Amino acid sequence: MKDNPFLSNNADTSSEQYLRRRHRIAKVWQTVFYASTLIAIVFLTTLLITISNRAFGYVAVENRVDPDTLAVAPLEDLDNEELAAIIRERLRPNRVRTIERDNGALEEQSWDQLYAIVIEEIVQPKVVKSYPLLESIFFPERVRLDAAQNFPKAELEFRSWLNSRFLRVPMSSRPELAGVRTAVLGSIYLILITITIAFPLGVGAAIYLEEYAIGENRINRIIQTNIDNLAGVPSIIYGILGLALFVRTLGHLTSGAAFGVEGASTGRTLLSAGLTMALLILPILIINAQEAIRAVPNSIRQAAYGLGATKWQTVWYHVLPYAMPGILTGTILAVSRAIGETAPLIVVGASTFIVSDPTGLFSNFTALPIQIYNWTTRPQDAFRNIAAAAILVLLISLLSLNAVAILLRNRFSKRI
């Protein structure tokens, strides 16, 4: 029987129409993808410009005491003995005794400590007006004219609020002298505790669910459903759980009192916060690790079994190395969430004003998100400048941690 040419032409026409329709749909979605990417870049650029606009720029500074009147040479050129002599001359004896009781004799303190005392308690600089970066760059004459008219006693200087001193000094009640050293150390300790606890637990749970809990029974379904649901629970709920469990119920352990730590009182410590954050990111780690393990070809397992490997040897030497890049990708996402969380830390008991650095698991703590939140609620305009600088520190810290995870992921990818 001969083919019908009319039927053949109709089939070709319908195929061409179908292909053209699919190409049109593909172009539409491609346009949507490019547009969404462009919008994301625009918003990210706007965010960075807004933050930088507050973290840099001209400031008008008034000093209670002119630093040039304290010594013949500039303060930066004085040695420890000369700075100590200025402190004893300018401050009250009771205040000097208080400083020496807290930090030791003046002559035994470092140059940075003495210089900070002179600036903070004698010179007492005060930022009376700060100007945004864009205005400082494009309209400098207008800035100088405004400062000269409204603040004739102030000195106008271009200031980068994000500098080495900002990273070295602790919190202060005065924005001109405040720093983020304590908050940065608290965030680093917090993330290290969180990853140390959550990573092995998350990977171990994923291995059990994917490799050992075989079969669609009721218990496995309940476990998997709960893990999926916990990944979407608001972070404030985890903060309440951490307060009830780690701070109050297990406070004797998390405060260090059970281990003889001196001065231990409550469970509002770094350990409680780290355990709470570990619970927060644990469901995310488990789900991402499950997906990575599930993506390992089954032929790798069968080949290992064929060579006589046990179940655990197959998982440890073959499945895990192959799945590790995907697991580290999930870890990046989890750490990115944990480092920026504020609500659980507030509930658990993070301090909004603390000047002592954390020394261990049982120390009182603060973190960068807490410090940023605290500064943005202050009425002084200068606190918003240091809040913007702290946001840049937080972004740099997050990118650094992500870079380390990406390097580890690429290293494992090359081994496969």
Protein backbone atom coordinates (compact mmCIF):
# COMPACT_ATOMS: atom_id res chain seq x y z
CA MET A 1 0.00 0.00 0.00
CA LYS A 2 1.44 3.34 -1.04
CA ASP A 3 1.86 6.15 1.43
CA ASN A 4 -0.70 8.90 1.24
CA PRO A 5 1.14 12.16 0.33
CA PHE A 6 -1.54 14.28 1.98
CA LEU A 7 -1.14 12.49 5.30
CA SER A 8 2.66 12.86 5.06
CA ASN A 9 2.40 16.61 4.41
CA ASN A 10 -0.01 17.07 7.30
CA ALA A 11 2.32 15.20 9.67
CA ASP A 12 5.28 17.34 8.62
CA THR A 13 3.26 20.51 9.04
CA SER A 14 2.09 19.58 12.54
CA SER A 15 5.66 18.67 13.55
CA GLU A 16 6.97 22.00 12.34
CA GLN A 17 4.23 23.86 14.16
CA TYR A 18 4.98 21.94 17.34
CA LEU A 19 8.70 22.74 17.08
CA ARG A 20 8.03 26.41 16.39
CA ARG A 21 5.72 26.60 19.40
CA ARG A 22 8.33 24.99 21.62
CA HIS A 23 10.99 27.41 20.35
CA ARG A 24 8.73 30.36 21.12
CA ILE A 25 8.09 29.06 24.63
CA ALA A 26 11.81 28.50 25.14
CA LYS A 27 12.59 32.06 24.04
CA VAL A 28 9.97 33.43 26.43
CA TRP A 29 11.44 31.54 29.39
CA GLN A 30 14.95 32.52 28.34
CA THR A 31 13.88 36.17 28.34
CA VAL A 32 12.31 35.72 31.78
CA PHE A 33 15.54 34.16 33.06
CA TYR A 34 17.70 37.00 31.71
CA ALA A 35 15.28 39.60 33.09
CA SER A 36 15.21 38.04 36.55
CA THR A 37 19.01 37.81 36.59
CA LEU A 38 19.29 41.46 35.56
CA ILE A 39 16.80 42.54 38.24
CA ALA A 40 18.76 40.57 40.88
CA ILE A 41 22.01 42.25 39.80
CA VAL A 42 20.36 45.69 39.93
CA PHE A 43 18.99 45.08 43.43
CA LEU A 44 22.32 43.71 44.66
CA THR A 45 24.19 46.68 43.21
CA THR A 46 21.70 49.07 44.80
CA LEU A 47 22.16 47.32 48.15
CA LEU A 48 25.96 47.60 48.00
CA ILE A 49 25.80 51.26 46.95
CA THR A 50 23.37 52.06 49.78
CA ILE A 51 25.59 50.37 52.37
CA SER A 52 28.79 51.94 51.03
CA ASN A 53 27.08 55.32 50.96
CA ARG A 54 26.81 55.17 54.75
CA ALA A 55 30.13 53.46 55.49
CA PHE A 56 32.30 56.11 53.81
CA GLY A 57 32.19 59.88 53.39
CA TYR A 58 33.01 63.21 55.00
CA VAL A 59 32.33 63.75 58.70
CA ALA A 60 32.40 66.90 60.82
CA VAL A 61 34.18 66.10 64.11
CA GLU A 62 34.31 68.26 67.22
CA ASN A 63 36.83 67.48 69.98
CA ARG A 64 36.13 68.37 73.58
CA VAL A 65 39.87 68.86 74.05
CA ASP A 66 42.16 69.80 71.18
CA PRO A 67 44.73 66.97 70.89
CA ASP A 68 47.40 69.47 69.85
CA THR A 69 47.24 71.05 73.32
CA LEU A 70 48.06 67.81 75.12
CA ALA A 71 51.67 67.58 73.98
CA VAL A 72 54.20 69.31 71.78
CA ALA A 73 54.33 66.40 69.34
CA PRO A 74 51.29 64.66 67.79
CA LEU A 75 49.73 61.95 69.94
CA GLU A 76 50.68 59.29 67.38
CA ASP A 77 54.39 60.07 67.95
CA LEU A 78 54.32 59.78 71.75
CA ASP A 79 55.61 56.72 73.59
CA ASN A 80 53.91 54.79 76.40
CA GLU A 81 55.40 56.88 79.23
CA GLU A 82 54.29 60.17 77.68
CA LEU A 83 50.75 58.89 77.08
CA ALA A 84 50.60 57.59 80.67
CA ALA A 85 51.75 61.00 81.97
CA ILE A 86 48.96 62.74 80.00
CA ILE A 87 46.38 60.35 81.46
CA ARG A 88 47.56 60.94 85.03
CA GLU A 89 47.57 64.70 84.49
CA ARG A 90 44.18 65.03 82.79
CA LEU A 91 42.04 62.41 84.52
CA ARG A 92 40.90 62.31 88.11
CA PRO A 93 42.89 60.07 90.45
CA ASN A 94 39.84 57.87 91.14
CA ARG A 95 39.38 57.25 87.43
CA VAL A 96 43.06 56.42 86.98
CA ARG A 97 42.89 53.92 89.86
CA THR A 98 39.80 52.32 88.26
CA ILE A 99 41.60 51.94 84.92
CA GLU A 100 44.65 50.40 86.61
CA ARG A 101 42.47 48.04 88.65
CA ASP A 102 40.78 46.76 85.47
CA ASN A 103 43.76 46.64 83.09
CA GLY A 104 46.92 46.90 85.21
CA ALA A 105 49.33 49.79 85.76
CA LEU A 106 49.36 52.41 83.00
CA GLU A 107 53.05 51.89 82.31
CA GLU A 108 52.45 48.18 81.74
CA GLN A 109 49.60 48.63 79.24
CA SER A 110 50.11 48.57 75.48
CA TRP A 111 50.38 51.70 73.35
CA ASP A 112 47.01 50.97 71.73
CA GLN A 113 45.30 50.79 75.13
CA LEU A 114 46.84 54.06 76.33
CA TYR A 115 46.08 55.85 73.08
CA ALA A 116 42.45 54.65 73.22
CA ILE A 117 42.12 55.98 76.78
CA VAL A 118 43.49 59.38 75.76
CA ILE A 119 41.14 59.65 72.79
CA GLU A 120 38.06 58.29 74.51
CA GLU A 121 38.28 59.97 77.91
CA ILE A 122 40.33 63.12 77.27
CA VAL A 123 39.98 64.21 73.66
CA GLN A 124 36.41 62.86 73.38
CA PRO A 125 35.76 63.36 69.66
CA LYS A 126 32.15 63.66 68.57
CA VAL A 127 30.77 63.35 65.04
CA VAL A 128 28.27 66.18 64.74
CA LYS A 129 27.41 65.55 61.09
CA SER A 130 28.15 62.79 58.59
CA TYR A 131 27.76 63.15 54.84
CA PRO A 132 26.96 60.28 52.42
CA LEU A 133 29.67 58.97 50.11
CA LEU A 134 27.94 60.05 46.89
CA GLU A 135 27.49 63.60 48.15
CA SER A 136 31.10 63.65 49.38
CA ILE A 137 32.39 62.58 45.96
CA PHE A 138 30.17 64.59 43.61
CA PHE A 139 29.45 67.69 45.73
CA PRO A 140 32.51 68.24 47.99
CA GLU A 141 32.26 72.04 47.89
CA ARG A 142 28.68 71.93 49.11
CA VAL A 143 29.75 69.65 51.96
CA ARG A 144 32.58 72.01 53.00
CA LEU A 145 30.28 75.04 52.85
CA ASP A 146 27.62 73.30 54.97
CA ALA A 147 30.19 72.21 57.57
CA ALA A 148 31.75 75.69 57.74
CA GLN A 149 28.39 77.41 58.20
CA ASN A 150 26.73 75.02 60.64
CA PHE A 151 29.72 73.60 62.54
CA PRO A 152 32.49 76.23 62.57
CA LYS A 153 34.41 74.52 65.41
CA ALA A 154 34.39 71.11 63.76
CA GLU A 155 37.09 69.62 61.56
CA LEU A 156 35.96 68.13 58.26
CA GLU A 157 37.65 64.86 57.34
CA PHE A 158 36.99 62.01 54.95
CA ARG A 159 36.43 58.89 57.03
CA SER A 160 36.22 55.24 56.21
CA TRP A 161 34.24 53.75 59.06
CA LEU A 162 35.47 50.32 57.93
CA ASN A 163 39.14 50.33 58.88
CA SER A 164 41.68 48.30 60.84
CA ARG A 165 40.82 50.06 64.12
CA PHE A 166 37.13 49.24 63.64
CA LEU A 167 38.10 45.56 63.52
CA ARG A 168 40.49 45.75 66.49
CA VAL A 169 38.46 47.55 69.16
CA PRO A 170 35.43 46.27 71.09
CA MET A 171 31.99 47.81 71.47
CA SER A 172 31.63 51.33 72.90
CA SER A 173 28.69 53.54 73.83
CA ARG A 174 30.13 56.21 71.54
CA PRO A 175 29.96 55.49 67.81
CA GLU A 176 33.23 57.33 67.09
CA LEU A 177 35.10 54.80 69.26
CA ALA A 178 33.06 51.62 68.72
CA GLY A 179 34.37 48.52 66.98
CA VAL A 180 33.27 45.00 66.07
CA ARG A 181 36.09 42.85 67.42
CA THR A 182 33.92 41.18 70.05
CA ALA A 183 31.06 40.65 67.59
CA VAL A 184 33.35 39.18 64.91
CA LEU A 185 34.94 36.75 67.38
CA GLY A 186 31.49 35.80 68.66
CA SER A 187 30.24 35.09 65.12
CA ILE A 188 33.33 33.01 64.30
CA TYR A 189 33.01 30.93 67.49
CA LEU A 190 29.29 30.53 66.87
CA ILE A 191 29.69 29.30 63.30
CA LEU A 192 32.49 26.90 64.26
CA ILE A 193 30.36 25.37 67.04
CA THR A 194 27.36 25.15 64.72
CA ILE A 195 29.23 23.43 61.88
CA THR A 196 31.08 21.09 64.26
CA ILE A 197 27.78 19.84 65.67
CA ALA A 198 25.43 20.02 62.67
CA PHE A 199 27.67 18.73 59.84
CA PRO A 200 28.43 15.21 61.18
CA LEU A 201 24.88 14.79 62.51
CA GLY A 202 23.32 15.93 59.23
CA VAL A 203 25.53 13.76 57.03
CA GLY A 204 25.12 10.78 59.36
CA ALA A 205 21.32 11.11 59.33
CA ALA A 206 21.32 11.37 55.54
CA ILE A 207 23.47 8.22 55.22
CA TYR A 208 21.12 6.31 57.49
CA LEU A 209 17.98 7.43 55.65
CA GLU A 210 19.37 6.76 52.17
CA GLU A 211 21.57 3.71 52.67
CA TYR A 212 20.25 1.83 55.68
CA ALA A 213 16.58 2.77 56.20
CA ILE A 214 15.53 0.91 53.08
CA GLY A 215 11.86 0.41 52.37
CA GLU A 216 8.78 2.61 52.43
CA ASN A 217 7.58 1.74 55.92
CA ARG A 218 5.59 3.97 58.21
CA ILE A 219 8.47 4.96 60.50
CA ASN A 220 10.69 6.07 57.60
CA ARG A 221 7.86 8.13 56.13
CA ILE A 222 7.22 9.85 59.48
CA ILE A 223 10.92 10.67 59.90
CA GLN A 224 11.24 12.03 56.36
CA THR A 225 8.04 14.08 56.62
CA ASN A 226 9.17 15.67 59.88
CA ILE A 227 12.58 16.55 58.46
CA ASP A 228 10.95 18.19 55.43
CA ASN A 229 8.59 20.15 57.68
CA LEU A 230 11.35 21.27 60.08
CA ALA A 231 13.25 22.84 57.17
CA GLY A 232 10.43 25.38 56.81
CA VAL A 233 9.91 26.23 60.48
CA PRO A 234 10.56 29.95 61.27
CA SER A 235 13.86 30.60 63.02
CA ILE A 236 12.22 32.26 66.02
CA ILE A 237 10.66 28.87 66.90
CA TYR A 238 14.13 27.35 67.11
CA GLY A 239 15.11 30.24 69.38
CA ILE A 240 12.24 29.42 71.74
CA LEU A 241 13.25 25.74 71.65
CA GLY A 242 16.85 26.65 72.45
CA LEU A 243 15.72 28.86 75.33
CA ALA A 244 13.57 26.12 76.84
CA LEU A 245 15.99 23.24 76.25
CA PHE A 246 19.56 24.53 76.37
CA VAL A 247 19.26 27.67 78.49
CA ARG A 248 16.75 26.54 81.12
CA THR A 249 16.53 22.75 81.17
CA LEU A 250 20.22 22.06 80.49
CA GLY A 251 21.49 25.36 81.89
CA HIS A 252 23.63 23.58 84.48
CA LEU A 253 25.61 22.04 81.63
CA THR A 254 25.59 24.82 79.04
CA SER A 255 26.61 27.43 81.63
CA GLY A 256 29.67 25.41 82.61
CA ALA A 257 28.63 25.09 86.26
CA ALA A 258 28.73 21.30 86.01
CA PHE A 259 32.37 21.51 84.92
CA GLY A 260 33.48 23.92 87.64
CA VAL A 261 33.60 27.06 85.50
CA GLU A 262 33.96 30.11 87.73
CA GLY A 263 31.30 32.78 87.48
CA ALA A 264 28.85 30.50 85.66
CA SER A 265 25.28 31.59 86.32
CA THR A 266 22.90 31.00 83.44
CA GLY A 267 22.90 29.01 80.23
CA ARG A 268 22.97 32.09 77.98
CA THR A 269 26.34 31.13 76.55
CA LEU A 270 28.04 30.48 73.23
CA LEU A 271 27.40 26.75 73.64
CA SER A 272 23.63 27.25 73.95
CA ALA A 273 23.60 29.54 70.92
CA GLY A 274 25.71 27.10 68.88
CA LEU A 275 23.43 24.19 69.74
CA THR A 276 20.36 26.24 68.80
CA MET A 277 21.85 27.26 65.46
CA ALA A 278 22.84 23.65 64.81
CA LEU A 279 19.21 22.61 65.24
CA LEU A 280 18.22 25.43 62.88
CA ILE A 281 20.38 24.29 59.95
CA LEU A 282 20.24 20.54 60.63
CA PRO A 283 17.14 19.85 58.47
CA ILE A 284 18.68 21.79 55.57
CA LEU A 285 21.90 19.81 55.83
CA ILE A 286 20.06 16.50 55.98
CA ILE A 287 17.87 17.22 52.93
CA ASN A 288 20.78 18.45 50.80
CA ALA A 289 22.98 15.52 51.86
CA GLN A 290 20.16 13.09 50.98
CA GLU A 291 19.87 14.58 47.51
CA ALA A 292 23.63 14.36 46.99
CA ILE A 293 23.77 10.73 48.14
CA ARG A 294 20.72 9.85 46.05
CA ALA A 295 22.47 11.27 42.96
CA VAL A 296 25.36 8.78 43.25
CA PRO A 297 24.93 6.15 40.47
CA ASN A 298 23.87 2.77 41.80
CA SER A 299 26.48 1.13 39.58
CA ILE A 300 29.21 2.43 41.92
CA ARG A 301 27.62 0.59 44.83
CA GLN A 302 27.18 -2.60 42.81
CA ALA A 303 30.81 -2.48 41.66
CA ALA A 304 32.02 -2.14 45.27
CA TYR A 305 29.82 -5.03 46.39
CA GLY A 306 31.13 -7.12 43.50
CA LEU A 307 34.70 -6.62 44.75
CA GLY A 308 33.74 -7.81 48.23
CA ALA A 309 33.30 -4.48 50.02
CA THR A 310 30.97 -4.28 52.99
CA LYS A 311 28.06 -1.89 53.26
CA TRP A 312 30.00 0.61 55.34
CA GLN A 313 33.12 0.37 53.18
CA THR A 314 31.01 1.10 50.12
CA VAL A 315 29.44 4.15 51.75
CA TRP A 316 32.67 5.51 53.25
CA TYR A 317 35.08 4.96 50.37
CA HIS A 318 32.81 5.32 47.34
CA VAL A 319 29.43 6.93 48.01
CA LEU A 320 30.55 9.74 50.33
CA PRO A 321 33.49 10.99 48.19
CA TYR A 322 31.20 11.08 45.15
CA ALA A 323 28.45 12.92 47.07
CA MET A 324 30.73 15.31 48.98
CA PRO A 325 30.57 18.21 46.42
CA GLY A 326 26.78 18.23 46.70
CA ILE A 327 26.94 17.95 50.49
CA LEU A 328 29.30 20.93 50.70
CA THR A 329 26.98 22.93 48.46
CA GLY A 330 24.19 22.35 50.98
CA THR A 331 26.57 23.29 53.78
CA ILE A 332 27.27 26.63 52.07
CA LEU A 333 23.54 27.38 51.98
CA ALA A 334 23.08 26.35 55.61
CA VAL A 335 26.02 28.42 56.87
CA SER A 336 24.81 31.41 54.87
CA ARG A 337 21.51 31.20 56.72
CA ALA A 338 23.07 30.65 60.12
CA ILE A 339 25.56 33.52 59.98
CA GLY A 340 22.83 36.08 59.30
CA GLU A 341 20.21 34.90 61.80
CA THR A 342 19.24 37.31 64.57
CA ALA A 343 15.95 36.15 66.09
CA PRO A 344 17.20 32.85 67.66
CA LEU A 345 20.22 34.59 69.17
CA ILE A 346 18.09 37.31 70.75
CA VAL A 347 15.83 34.70 72.35
CA VAL A 348 18.73 32.56 73.57
CA GLY A 349 20.35 35.58 75.22
CA ALA A 350 22.89 37.32 72.99
CA SER A 351 24.18 40.54 74.54
CA THR A 352 23.58 43.83 72.74
CA PHE A 353 26.42 45.55 74.61
CA ILE A 354 29.49 43.55 75.59
CA VAL A 355 33.14 44.63 75.55
CA SER A 356 34.86 41.40 76.65
CA ASP A 357 35.94 38.89 74.02
CA PRO A 358 34.61 35.31 74.23
CA THR A 359 37.15 32.97 75.79
CA GLY A 360 35.39 29.61 75.50
CA LEU A 361 32.18 27.69 75.10
CA PHE A 362 30.71 29.09 78.31
CA SER A 363 31.31 32.78 77.61
CA ASN A 364 28.68 35.44 77.20
CA PHE A 365 28.49 36.44 73.56
CA THR A 366 27.27 38.74 70.88
CA ALA A 367 27.33 38.39 67.10
CA LEU A 368 27.50 40.64 64.07
CA PRO A 369 23.74 40.52 63.26
CA ILE A 370 22.94 41.40 66.88
CA GLN A 371 25.41 44.28 66.85
CA ILE A 372 24.04 45.63 63.57
CA TYR A 373 20.48 45.44 64.91
CA ASN A 374 21.52 47.24 68.09
CA TRP A 375 23.26 50.06 66.23
CA THR A 376 20.41 50.66 63.79
CA THR A 377 18.02 51.26 66.71
CA ARG A 378 20.19 54.01 68.23
CA PRO A 379 19.08 57.62 67.70
CA GLN A 380 22.53 59.01 66.82
CA ASP A 381 23.16 59.24 63.10
CA ALA A 382 26.77 58.06 63.48
CA PHE A 383 25.57 54.65 64.69
CA ARG A 384 24.07 54.06 61.23
CA ASN A 385 27.50 54.67 59.74
CA ILE A 386 29.17 52.01 61.86
CA ALA A 387 26.16 49.71 61.26
CA ALA A 388 26.84 49.99 57.51
CA ALA A 389 30.52 49.21 58.13
CA ALA A 390 29.52 46.17 60.22
CA ILE A 391 27.25 44.99 57.39
CA LEU A 392 30.25 45.06 55.05
CA VAL A 393 32.23 43.03 57.60
CA LEU A 394 29.38 40.52 57.77
CA LEU A 395 29.24 40.22 53.97
CA ILE A 396 33.02 39.77 53.74
CA SER A 397 32.94 37.10 56.47
CA LEU A 398 30.13 35.27 54.71
CA LEU A 399 31.91 35.38 51.35
CA SER A 400 35.13 34.14 52.97
CA LEU A 401 33.40 31.15 54.57
CA ASN A 402 31.64 30.37 51.31
CA ALA A 403 34.92 30.62 49.41
CA VAL A 404 36.50 28.04 51.72
CA ALA A 405 33.54 25.69 51.21
CA ILE A 406 33.70 26.17 47.43
CA LEU A 407 37.43 25.39 47.39
CA LEU A 408 36.79 22.19 49.38
CA ARG A 409 33.94 21.28 47.02
CA ASN A 410 36.13 21.77 43.95
CA ARG A 411 38.88 19.72 45.55
CA PHE A 412 36.53 16.80 46.13
CA SER A 413 35.14 17.17 42.59
CA LYS A 414 38.61 16.69 41.11
CA ARG A 415 39.07 13.44 43.02
CA ILE A 416 36.00 11.85 41.44
